[in-house]
Amino acid sequence: MTLYRLSYISHAAETRGTMREYVSKQISEVSSKSNKAMGISMVLVHVDDYFIQVLEGSRNKLSYLITKIMSDERHSHVEIVGAHPLTSRSFVGQYSKIFDINSQDNALFQKYTMDEKFNPYELVPDAMDEMLDRIIKIGQKA
């Protein structure tokens, strides 16, 4: 089986306060079980009003999952920002890591803030690749 990495960004459904915590917890619980069963490892960052996710697994499983994500009401404007084969997993022994971050409190995302607010859709490809690499390193350490 050839491994692939697929990365995407999406606009998160309007969630604040306890609803946001509920959505993050719900995604975490469901994805942990289903991703492990499908052999998909991933890191998901819920930053401000956006999701940024890096998924690793077989091509057909990732295709199935991204189709499912695109129809999930918690996501809108899903944009695939990277897809390529891998020689090995980045998240060895881990299947799901989810982080809920406020960009104003996090130096990583402050670096990629163009205007007053963080917006991943505004990033040029090199900046997106750099940010994704840094997110992968966060997922590896967690």
Protein backbone atom coordinates (compact mmCIF):
# COMPACT_ATOMS: atom_id res chain seq x y z
CA MET A 1 0.00 0.00 0.00
CA THR A 2 1.33 3.40 -0.99
CA LEU A 3 0.89 6.08 1.65
CA TYR A 4 -0.40 9.53 0.77
CA ARG A 5 -0.67 12.85 2.55
CA LEU A 6 -3.66 15.09 1.92
CA SER A 7 -3.94 18.56 3.44
CA TYR A 8 -6.91 20.87 3.33
CA ILE A 9 -8.30 24.04 4.83
CA SER A 10 -11.95 24.83 5.43
CA HIS A 11 -14.10 27.43 7.06
CA ALA A 12 -15.51 26.09 10.30
CA ALA A 13 -19.19 26.43 11.01
CA GLU A 14 -19.95 29.37 13.26
CA THR A 15 -19.04 28.03 16.69
CA ARG A 16 -18.26 29.97 19.83
CA GLY A 17 -17.93 29.11 23.53
CA THR A 18 -19.39 25.80 24.65
CA MET A 19 -20.64 24.99 21.15
CA ARG A 20 -17.08 25.23 19.85
CA GLU A 21 -15.85 22.92 22.62
CA TYR A 22 -18.66 20.49 21.79
CA VAL A 23 -17.78 20.45 18.07
CA SER A 24 -14.06 19.92 18.77
CA LYS A 25 -14.82 17.11 21.23
CA GLN A 26 -17.31 15.50 18.85
CA ILE A 27 -14.85 15.58 15.94
CA SER A 28 -12.11 14.21 18.18
CA GLU A 29 -14.17 11.26 19.43
CA VAL A 30 -15.55 10.26 16.05
CA SER A 31 -12.33 10.74 14.08
CA SER A 32 -10.20 8.85 16.62
CA LYS A 33 -12.28 5.70 16.21
CA SER A 34 -13.00 5.85 12.49
CA ASN A 35 -9.53 7.01 11.43
CA LYS A 36 -7.83 4.24 13.37
CA ALA A 37 -10.14 1.66 11.80
CA MET A 38 -9.32 3.03 8.32
CA GLY A 39 -5.58 3.32 8.99
CA ILE A 40 -5.62 7.13 8.69
CA SER A 41 -3.40 9.27 10.87
CA MET A 42 -3.97 12.99 11.14
CA VAL A 43 -3.59 16.26 12.90
CA LEU A 44 -6.45 18.78 12.87
CA VAL A 45 -6.10 22.38 13.99
CA HIS A 46 -9.24 24.38 14.72
CA VAL A 47 -7.83 27.90 14.60
CA ASP A 48 -10.24 30.80 14.89
CA ASP A 49 -12.94 30.15 12.27
CA TYR A 50 -10.93 27.62 10.24
CA PHE A 51 -9.93 23.99 10.15
CA ILE A 52 -6.48 23.04 8.89
CA GLN A 53 -5.95 19.30 8.60
CA VAL A 54 -3.20 16.96 7.46
CA LEU A 55 -4.29 13.37 6.77
CA GLU A 56 -2.12 10.32 5.99
CA GLY A 57 -3.25 6.95 4.70
CA SER A 58 -4.10 5.01 1.57
CA ARG A 59 -5.26 6.99 -1.45
CA ASN A 60 -8.71 5.40 -1.59
CA LYS A 61 -9.36 5.93 2.14
CA LEU A 62 -8.26 9.58 1.91
CA SER A 63 -10.50 10.09 -1.14
CA TYR A 64 -13.42 8.63 0.79
CA LEU A 65 -12.69 10.77 3.83
CA ILE A 66 -12.26 14.09 1.99
CA THR A 67 -15.56 13.46 0.17
CA LYS A 68 -17.19 12.91 3.55
CA ILE A 69 -15.58 16.08 4.97
CA MET A 70 -16.79 18.12 1.99
CA SER A 71 -20.38 17.14 2.77
CA ASP A 72 -20.01 17.68 6.55
CA GLU A 73 -22.00 20.71 7.72
CA ARG A 74 -19.20 21.65 10.14
CA HIS A 75 -17.01 22.54 7.11
CA SER A 76 -17.54 24.95 4.24
CA HIS A 77 -15.29 26.15 1.43
CA VAL A 78 -13.09 23.05 1.67
CA GLU A 79 -9.89 23.60 -0.32
CA ILE A 80 -7.30 20.88 -0.84
CA VAL A 81 -3.90 22.55 -0.44
CA GLY A 82 -1.65 19.53 -0.85
CA ALA A 83 -1.67 15.87 -1.88
CA HIS A 84 1.32 13.66 -2.53
CA PRO A 85 2.75 10.20 -1.85
CA LEU A 86 4.81 9.53 1.30
CA THR A 87 7.60 7.14 2.11
CA SER A 88 6.56 6.92 5.79
CA ARG A 89 4.02 8.32 8.20
CA SER A 90 4.70 11.53 10.10
CA PHE A 91 2.36 10.57 12.94
CA VAL A 92 3.72 7.15 13.90
CA GLY A 93 1.59 5.42 16.50
CA GLN A 94 -0.89 8.30 16.53
CA TYR A 95 -4.18 8.41 14.71
CA SER A 96 -5.88 11.65 15.72
CA LYS A 97 -4.51 14.80 17.26
CA ILE A 98 -6.80 17.81 17.48
CA PHE A 99 -5.85 21.29 18.63
CA ASP A 100 -8.18 24.20 19.30
CA ILE A 101 -6.16 27.42 18.97
CA ASN A 102 -6.78 31.15 19.02
CA SER A 103 -4.41 32.65 16.45
CA GLN A 104 -3.92 35.83 18.48
CA ASP A 105 -2.47 33.75 21.32
CA ASN A 106 -0.19 31.60 19.15
CA ALA A 107 3.06 32.76 17.57
CA LEU A 108 2.84 30.17 14.79
CA PHE A 109 -0.37 31.62 13.43
CA GLN A 110 0.61 35.21 14.13
CA LYS A 111 3.47 34.68 11.68
CA TYR A 112 0.93 33.88 8.95
CA THR A 113 -1.53 36.66 9.71
CA MET A 114 -1.69 39.03 6.76
CA ASP A 115 -4.14 41.64 8.01
CA GLU A 116 -5.73 41.91 11.42
CA LYS A 117 -7.08 38.34 11.40
CA PHE A 118 -5.58 35.00 10.45
CA ASN A 119 -6.99 33.68 7.15
CA PRO A 120 -5.36 30.59 5.61
CA TYR A 121 -7.07 31.22 2.27
CA GLU A 122 -4.83 34.28 1.80
CA LEU A 123 -1.55 32.37 2.12
CA VAL A 124 0.70 31.92 -0.89
CA PRO A 125 1.70 28.29 -1.60
CA ASP A 126 5.18 28.56 -0.02
CA ALA A 127 3.75 30.03 3.19
CA MET A 128 1.02 27.34 3.26
CA ASP A 129 3.64 24.58 2.85
CA GLU A 130 5.77 26.07 5.62
CA MET A 131 2.78 26.39 7.95
CA LEU A 132 1.68 22.80 7.22
CA ASP A 133 5.21 21.54 7.96
CA ARG A 134 5.10 23.33 11.31
CA ILE A 135 1.65 21.89 12.06
CA ILE A 136 2.98 18.39 11.26
CA LYS A 137 5.82 18.94 13.75
CA ILE A 138 3.26 19.95 16.39
CA GLY A 139 1.34 16.73 15.66
CA GLN A 140 4.50 14.65 15.95
CA LYS A 141 5.31 16.06 19.39
CA ALA A 142 1.83 15.70 20.84
